[in-house]
Amino acid sequence: MSTLAANEPMIYLEEIAMKNVAAALAALLLISCLSACKAGTGSTSASSSASSSADEPLKLETLRLELTRREGLSSDTLMYAVQALPQALKSALANHGVEAGAVEVTVGASPAATAQALEEGGVDLAVLPGDSFVEAGGSAVPLLTAHEHGGLPDSSDPADWKSAESTHSEADSGGQRYLILAGPSDYGLQLANRAASDTPLTWDELDRAAWLLTPDETNMTDLWLADHYEGNTLSDLTGRAVSSLPSGSGQDLLTALAAGDADVAVIPADIRPYLASFWQGELQRPGGIFDETAVIGVTEKYYDTILAACPGDEILTGEEFRSALAAAMEEMSRVQGDVTGALGGVFSAPVSDGDLNGMRRLATLGG
């Protein structure tokens, strides 16, 4: 037997070993390149890996969160949030099954710039004004919105808002609906009676009413009118029927209703129960607010702030991470509430892409 033939088994085994080493190195390289979101350039500044067992925590190498500047938010508040949020969020996430190697918090130059960074994977999560998120379009995934209230009907049907108790939701929710109320004036009572008979109010009937609302209620009221009355909005109501107060005050609106200075007023849905004592106390009305005002319309929800994830990542956009993030945000608000202001609220209410369809239609009004 030749020397070459004698060494053939050894050469064969060495080749096998080299192939195995190469395969292992390739696998390690692939793992190191996994990221929570890939930027447009293909860089991988954040990475995540799914757990193999439901009992094991989700693991993220780096989680990048970007905030946006909001009106009235001081630079000191933002700076404190940038310093305090990384460790606070990392600790809170760990308590709810998400291990992040590092949490980075930045402040975007503008909502548009933050929305673009989110879309392109420059950041993993972003807090954006709801209208900016909608206007940006793209495929970023809304996860959570700021908790607004609990126990209110989650419905746009006026029948579900007739009393303080009926058809109420058990869960806390986000977003704000507005109630279009007919008051106890002579014409307000006519509108209330017509609505109670399940006869749809006509545009002419609404046009004869004296309306009162503040700038905060205008947008969603425009959307409600446009959806129900062939595209007409508040600006199409004739004469001096629409009034605006300089600042949103439910008490001012109800005072005008009680005095007969307005037939219809628009108020945030969540303040009506709190104004019940004001209605009968300070305004000295003979009946309760739920008896003397009638809900003739309910707007869709307006979402003031959205916490969204970059598109294309199964972990960050998955329900397990969304639930853990909501729980972590609630915990942070309890133990370190001073960062909540910079975030824009307690992000504990889930929100889906379809929930924003009303705001998308609003963005097209007059466009």
Protein backbone atom coordinates (compact mmCIF):
# COMPACT_ATOMS: atom_id res chain seq x y z
CA MET A 1 0.00 0.00 0.00
CA SER A 2 1.37 3.51 -0.88
CA THR A 3 1.94 6.21 1.73
CA LEU A 4 -0.80 8.32 0.08
CA ALA A 5 -3.28 5.48 0.29
CA ALA A 6 -2.40 4.88 3.93
CA ASN A 7 -3.06 8.53 4.81
CA GLU A 8 -6.35 8.79 2.89
CA PRO A 9 -8.59 8.13 5.99
CA MET A 10 -6.70 10.78 7.97
CA ILE A 11 -6.99 13.34 5.14
CA TYR A 12 -10.72 12.58 4.85
CA LEU A 13 -11.25 13.15 8.58
CA GLU A 14 -9.32 16.42 8.49
CA GLU A 15 -11.50 17.65 5.62
CA ILE A 16 -14.62 16.81 7.62
CA ALA A 17 -13.30 18.68 10.63
CA MET A 18 -12.42 21.75 8.58
CA LYS A 19 -15.90 21.79 7.02
CA ASN A 20 -17.50 21.56 10.47
CA VAL A 21 -15.40 24.45 11.75
CA ALA A 22 -16.32 26.54 8.71
CA ALA A 23 -20.00 25.81 9.21
CA ALA A 24 -19.80 26.75 12.89
CA LEU A 25 -18.06 30.03 12.06
CA ALA A 26 -20.69 30.83 9.46
CA ALA A 27 -23.45 30.17 11.97
CA LEU A 28 -21.80 32.43 14.55
CA LEU A 29 -21.41 35.17 11.95
CA LEU A 30 -25.09 34.89 11.02
CA ILE A 31 -26.17 35.12 14.67
CA SER A 32 -24.03 38.21 15.24
CA CYS A 33 -25.73 39.94 12.30
CA LEU A 34 -29.30 39.47 13.54
CA SER A 35 -30.84 42.81 14.49
CA ALA A 36 -34.07 44.12 15.92
CA CYS A 37 -34.41 46.41 12.89
CA LYS A 38 -32.08 46.74 9.92
CA ALA A 39 -31.31 50.27 8.82
CA GLY A 40 -31.44 51.13 5.15
CA THR A 41 -27.68 50.77 4.94
CA GLY A 42 -27.82 47.24 6.33
CA SER A 43 -26.11 48.17 9.62
CA THR A 44 -27.12 46.32 12.75
CA SER A 45 -26.95 48.73 15.71
CA ALA A 46 -29.74 46.88 17.53
CA SER A 47 -30.25 43.18 17.75
CA SER A 48 -32.71 40.73 19.25
CA SER A 49 -33.17 37.01 19.49
CA ALA A 50 -36.29 34.99 20.12
CA SER A 51 -36.38 32.70 23.12
CA SER A 52 -36.53 29.00 22.42
CA SER A 53 -38.94 28.51 25.30
CA ALA A 54 -42.02 30.46 26.34
CA ASP A 55 -40.63 30.47 29.91
CA GLU A 56 -37.41 32.18 28.87
CA PRO A 57 -37.18 35.98 28.56
CA LEU A 58 -37.04 37.79 25.26
CA LYS A 59 -33.49 39.00 24.73
CA LEU A 60 -32.45 42.22 23.01
CA GLU A 61 -28.87 43.30 22.58
CA THR A 62 -29.76 46.99 22.17
CA LEU A 63 -33.10 48.78 22.26
CA ARG A 64 -33.11 52.27 20.78
CA LEU A 65 -35.97 54.61 21.74
CA GLU A 66 -36.43 58.10 20.29
CA LEU A 67 -38.59 60.83 21.81
CA THR A 68 -39.97 63.91 20.09
CA ARG A 69 -40.13 67.44 21.41
CA ARG A 70 -43.62 68.55 22.36
CA GLU A 71 -45.01 72.02 22.95
CA GLY A 72 -44.63 73.07 26.55
CA LEU A 73 -41.99 70.45 27.33
CA SER A 74 -38.90 72.04 28.83
CA SER A 75 -35.38 71.17 27.77
CA ASP A 76 -34.58 70.20 31.36
CA THR A 77 -37.42 67.66 31.38
CA LEU A 78 -36.21 66.15 28.13
CA MET A 79 -32.62 66.02 29.30
CA TYR A 80 -33.61 64.30 32.52
CA ALA A 81 -35.64 61.74 30.58
CA VAL A 82 -32.71 61.00 28.27
CA GLN A 83 -30.54 60.34 31.32
CA ALA A 84 -33.05 58.46 33.49
CA LEU A 85 -35.07 56.46 30.97
CA PRO A 86 -32.40 53.99 29.80
CA GLN A 87 -31.87 52.33 33.18
CA ALA A 88 -35.50 52.76 34.27
CA LEU A 89 -36.86 51.14 31.11
CA LYS A 90 -34.23 48.40 31.14
CA SER A 91 -35.09 47.48 34.74
CA ALA A 92 -38.84 47.60 34.16
CA LEU A 93 -38.61 45.45 31.02
CA ALA A 94 -36.51 42.89 32.91
CA ASN A 95 -39.29 42.60 35.49
CA HIS A 96 -41.68 41.66 32.69
CA GLY A 97 -39.69 39.13 30.73
CA VAL A 98 -37.54 41.23 28.38
CA GLU A 99 -33.77 41.37 28.86
CA ALA A 100 -32.16 44.31 27.07
CA GLY A 101 -28.38 44.49 27.04
CA ALA A 102 -28.56 48.25 26.62
CA VAL A 103 -31.28 50.86 26.20
CA GLU A 104 -30.46 54.03 24.29
CA VAL A 105 -32.73 57.11 24.37
CA THR A 106 -32.43 60.01 21.97
CA VAL A 107 -34.49 63.07 21.04
CA GLY A 108 -35.42 63.59 17.40
CA ALA A 109 -34.92 66.88 15.59
CA SER A 110 -38.59 66.85 14.57
CA PRO A 111 -41.51 64.40 14.47
CA ALA A 112 -40.96 63.97 10.73
CA ALA A 113 -37.29 63.13 11.26
CA THR A 114 -38.14 60.63 14.00
CA ALA A 115 -40.81 59.00 11.84
CA GLN A 116 -38.28 58.61 9.03
CA ALA A 117 -35.65 57.14 11.38
CA LEU A 118 -38.24 54.64 12.63
CA GLU A 119 -39.27 53.66 9.12
CA GLU A 120 -35.66 53.16 8.02
CA GLY A 121 -34.59 51.27 11.15
CA GLY A 122 -32.38 53.99 12.60
CA VAL A 123 -34.31 53.54 15.86
CA ASP A 124 -36.32 50.59 17.18
CA LEU A 125 -39.11 52.42 19.03
CA ALA A 126 -40.37 55.99 18.81
CA VAL A 127 -42.88 58.17 20.64
CA LEU A 128 -44.70 60.31 18.08
CA PRO A 129 -47.67 62.67 18.02
CA GLY A 130 -50.60 60.72 16.60
CA ASP A 131 -51.15 63.11 13.70
CA SER A 132 -47.43 63.01 12.80
CA PHE A 133 -47.48 59.21 12.79
CA VAL A 134 -50.50 59.17 10.49
CA GLU A 135 -49.10 61.84 8.16
CA ALA A 136 -45.80 59.98 7.84
CA GLY A 137 -47.51 56.91 6.41
CA GLY A 138 -45.01 54.13 5.91
CA SER A 139 -45.10 50.70 7.52
CA ALA A 140 -44.04 51.41 11.14
CA VAL A 141 -46.19 49.43 13.57
CA PRO A 142 -48.22 51.20 16.29
CA LEU A 143 -47.94 49.31 19.57
CA LEU A 144 -49.27 51.43 22.43
CA THR A 145 -50.93 54.73 23.15
CA ALA A 146 -51.15 56.74 26.33
CA HIS A 147 -53.74 55.52 28.81
CA GLU A 148 -56.65 57.96 28.83
CA HIS A 149 -59.47 56.45 30.84
CA GLY A 150 -61.22 53.30 31.89
CA GLY A 151 -64.81 52.26 32.29
CA LEU A 152 -66.25 54.31 29.41
CA PRO A 153 -68.20 52.74 26.55
CA ASP A 154 -65.86 51.84 23.71
CA SER A 155 -68.44 52.72 21.10
CA SER A 156 -69.36 55.39 18.55
CA ASP A 157 -73.07 54.58 18.95
CA PRO A 158 -74.88 57.37 20.88
CA ALA A 159 -77.25 54.76 22.38
CA ASP A 160 -74.34 53.35 24.39
CA TRP A 161 -73.75 56.72 26.05
CA LYS A 162 -77.25 57.43 27.35
CA SER A 163 -76.40 56.85 30.99
CA ALA A 164 -73.41 56.78 33.29
CA GLU A 165 -73.51 53.04 33.70
CA SER A 166 -74.64 51.25 30.56
CA THR A 167 -72.39 49.28 28.19
CA HIS A 168 -69.15 50.28 29.87
CA SER A 169 -65.83 48.69 29.06
CA GLU A 170 -63.96 46.73 31.70
CA ALA A 171 -60.54 47.56 30.27
CA ASP A 172 -58.55 50.76 30.35
CA SER A 173 -58.21 52.25 26.92
CA GLY A 174 -56.47 54.98 25.01
CA GLY A 175 -57.64 57.59 22.57
CA GLN A 176 -60.25 60.26 23.15
CA ARG A 177 -63.80 60.34 21.85
CA TYR A 178 -65.91 63.49 21.91
CA LEU A 179 -69.61 63.65 22.70
CA ILE A 180 -71.92 65.91 20.68
CA LEU A 181 -74.51 66.97 23.25
CA ALA A 182 -77.91 68.60 22.77
CA GLY A 183 -78.73 70.81 25.75
CA PRO A 184 -81.95 71.82 27.51
CA SER A 185 -82.71 74.85 25.32
CA ASP A 186 -85.98 74.73 23.38
CA TYR A 187 -84.22 73.79 20.16
CA GLY A 188 -81.79 71.49 21.95
CA LEU A 189 -84.76 69.54 23.32
CA GLN A 190 -86.19 69.25 19.80
CA LEU A 191 -82.93 67.76 18.58
CA ALA A 192 -82.79 65.42 21.58
CA ASN A 193 -86.34 64.19 21.00
CA ARG A 194 -85.67 63.60 17.31
CA ALA A 195 -82.51 61.66 18.12
CA ALA A 196 -84.33 59.62 20.77
CA SER A 197 -86.90 58.53 18.16
CA ASP A 198 -84.10 56.91 16.15
CA THR A 199 -84.75 59.37 13.33
CA PRO A 200 -81.47 60.56 11.86
CA LEU A 201 -81.00 64.29 12.25
CA THR A 202 -80.77 66.14 8.94
CA TRP A 203 -78.09 68.61 8.00
CA ASP A 204 -80.67 71.42 7.98
CA GLU A 205 -81.63 70.58 11.57
CA LEU A 206 -78.02 70.74 12.70
CA ASP A 207 -77.48 73.92 10.69
CA ARG A 208 -80.22 75.72 12.64
CA ALA A 209 -78.57 74.91 15.98
CA ALA A 210 -76.21 77.19 17.87
CA TRP A 211 -72.98 75.21 18.38
CA LEU A 212 -70.29 75.71 20.96
CA LEU A 213 -66.94 73.94 21.06
CA THR A 214 -63.29 74.70 21.67
CA PRO A 215 -60.46 74.30 19.17
CA ASP A 216 -59.51 70.95 20.76
CA GLU A 217 -62.83 69.41 19.70
CA THR A 218 -62.92 70.84 16.18
CA ASN A 219 -61.02 68.18 14.23
CA MET A 220 -62.93 65.09 15.31
CA THR A 221 -66.24 66.95 15.07
CA ASP A 222 -65.36 67.85 11.49
CA LEU A 223 -64.72 64.16 10.81
CA TRP A 224 -68.06 63.12 12.38
CA LEU A 225 -69.96 65.66 10.32
CA ALA A 226 -68.12 64.73 7.11
CA ASP A 227 -68.82 61.03 7.65
CA HIS A 228 -72.53 61.55 8.30
CA TYR A 229 -73.37 64.56 6.11
CA GLU A 230 -71.78 64.12 2.70
CA GLY A 231 -68.48 65.75 3.50
CA ASN A 232 -69.87 68.85 5.25
CA THR A 233 -67.85 70.16 8.18
CA LEU A 234 -68.17 72.86 10.82
CA SER A 235 -67.14 75.48 8.31
CA ASP A 236 -70.27 74.66 6.28
CA LEU A 237 -72.62 75.57 9.14
CA THR A 238 -74.15 78.95 8.34
CA GLY A 239 -74.13 82.26 10.21
CA ARG A 240 -72.64 82.44 13.69
CA ALA A 241 -73.63 78.92 14.69
CA VAL A 242 -70.07 77.88 15.57
CA SER A 243 -68.37 79.50 18.53
CA SER A 244 -64.88 78.85 19.88
CA LEU A 245 -63.61 79.31 23.40
CA PRO A 246 -59.96 80.28 23.85
CA SER A 247 -59.28 77.25 26.03
CA GLY A 248 -60.95 73.91 26.51
CA SER A 249 -63.21 74.07 29.55
CA GLY A 250 -66.03 71.60 29.98
CA GLN A 251 -67.52 73.84 32.65
CA ASP A 252 -67.75 76.79 30.22
CA LEU A 253 -69.36 74.59 27.60
CA LEU A 254 -71.96 73.19 30.01
CA THR A 255 -72.67 76.66 31.41
CA ALA A 256 -73.58 77.82 27.91
CA LEU A 257 -75.80 74.76 27.40
CA ALA A 258 -77.58 75.25 30.72
CA ALA A 259 -78.19 78.95 30.01
CA GLY A 260 -79.57 78.24 26.56
CA ASP A 261 -76.75 80.19 24.90
CA ALA A 262 -75.97 77.07 22.87
CA ASP A 263 -78.14 74.24 21.63
CA VAL A 264 -75.25 71.86 20.94
CA ALA A 265 -71.86 71.54 22.62
CA VAL A 266 -68.97 69.14 22.09
CA ILE A 267 -67.05 67.85 25.12
CA PRO A 268 -64.39 65.18 25.73
CA ALA A 269 -66.23 61.98 26.59
CA ASP A 270 -64.26 61.26 29.73
CA ILE A 271 -65.10 64.53 31.51
CA ARG A 272 -68.90 64.14 31.48
CA PRO A 273 -69.10 61.93 34.61
CA TYR A 274 -66.89 64.38 36.52
CA LEU A 275 -69.14 67.32 35.57
CA ALA A 276 -72.31 65.73 36.98
CA SER A 277 -71.94 67.47 40.33
CA PHE A 278 -71.12 70.79 38.60
CA TRP A 279 -74.30 70.51 36.52
CA GLN A 280 -76.62 70.21 39.50
CA GLY A 281 -74.48 72.12 42.02
CA GLU A 282 -72.97 75.28 40.57
CA LEU A 283 -75.43 75.43 37.65
CA GLN A 284 -78.40 74.52 39.89
CA ARG A 285 -80.09 72.40 37.25
CA PRO A 286 -83.24 70.54 38.32
CA GLY A 287 -82.18 67.29 36.66
CA GLY A 288 -78.97 65.33 36.25
CA ILE A 289 -76.55 65.85 33.39
CA PHE A 290 -77.49 62.46 31.93
CA ASP A 291 -81.16 63.46 31.92
CA GLU A 292 -80.90 67.02 30.65
CA THR A 293 -78.29 66.57 27.96
CA ALA A 294 -78.65 64.07 25.12
CA VAL A 295 -75.83 62.49 23.14
CA ILE A 296 -76.70 63.02 19.48
CA GLY A 297 -73.31 62.00 18.14
CA VAL A 298 -70.05 60.33 19.17
CA THR A 299 -66.81 60.90 17.29
CA GLU A 300 -64.18 58.32 16.51
CA LYS A 301 -61.11 58.26 18.71
CA TYR A 302 -58.32 60.77 18.47
CA TYR A 303 -54.92 59.43 19.50
CA ASP A 304 -52.70 62.19 20.82
CA THR A 305 -49.52 60.10 21.09
CA ILE A 306 -48.35 56.78 19.63
CA LEU A 307 -45.50 54.48 20.68
CA ALA A 308 -44.50 52.62 17.53
CA ALA A 309 -41.95 50.02 16.44
CA CYS A 310 -39.88 49.87 13.28
CA PRO A 311 -41.34 47.55 10.66
CA GLY A 312 -40.20 44.05 9.83
CA ASP A 313 -39.18 42.74 13.24
CA GLU A 314 -41.17 39.81 14.57
CA ILE A 315 -40.09 40.34 18.17
CA LEU A 316 -40.66 44.08 18.58
CA THR A 317 -43.98 43.94 16.73
CA GLY A 318 -45.15 40.76 18.46
CA GLU A 319 -47.84 40.57 21.13
CA GLU A 320 -45.43 39.22 23.77
CA PHE A 321 -43.19 42.27 23.54
CA ARG A 322 -46.15 44.68 23.30
CA SER A 323 -47.64 43.28 26.53
CA ALA A 324 -44.30 43.38 28.33
CA LEU A 325 -43.66 46.94 27.18
CA ALA A 326 -47.11 48.07 28.39
CA ALA A 327 -46.51 46.51 31.81
CA ALA A 328 -43.05 48.09 31.98
CA MET A 329 -44.45 51.52 31.13
CA GLU A 330 -47.06 51.21 33.87
CA GLU A 331 -44.38 50.18 36.37
CA MET A 332 -42.18 53.12 35.40
CA SER A 333 -45.04 55.55 35.94
CA ARG A 334 -45.44 54.25 39.50
CA VAL A 335 -41.80 54.12 40.55
CA GLN A 336 -40.36 56.92 38.41
CA GLY A 337 -43.31 59.07 37.39
CA ASP A 338 -41.12 62.08 36.65
CA VAL A 339 -40.22 60.59 33.24
CA THR A 340 -43.87 60.18 32.25
CA GLY A 341 -44.20 63.82 31.23
CA ALA A 342 -41.39 63.52 28.70
CA LEU A 343 -42.97 60.39 27.25
CA GLY A 344 -46.35 62.07 26.91
CA GLY A 345 -48.30 59.76 29.19
CA VAL A 346 -48.41 56.20 30.47
CA PHE A 347 -48.20 53.96 27.42
CA SER A 348 -50.26 51.03 28.62
CA ALA A 349 -53.17 50.93 26.15
CA PRO A 350 -52.71 48.78 23.03
CA VAL A 351 -53.43 50.37 19.68
CA SER A 352 -53.56 48.74 16.25
CA ASP A 353 -53.11 50.11 12.77
CA GLY A 354 -56.83 49.90 12.08
CA ASP A 355 -57.61 52.07 15.11
CA LEU A 356 -55.98 55.00 13.30
CA ASN A 357 -58.21 54.89 10.22
CA GLY A 358 -60.36 57.72 11.56
CA MET A 359 -57.34 59.96 11.95
CA ARG A 360 -56.23 59.02 8.44
CA ARG A 361 -59.58 60.15 7.06
CA LEU A 362 -59.28 63.32 9.10
CA ALA A 363 -55.91 64.03 7.47
CA THR A 364 -57.59 63.98 4.04
CA LEU A 365 -60.35 66.46 4.92
CA GLY A 366 -59.84 69.58 2.91
CA GLY A 367 -56.80 67.99 1.26
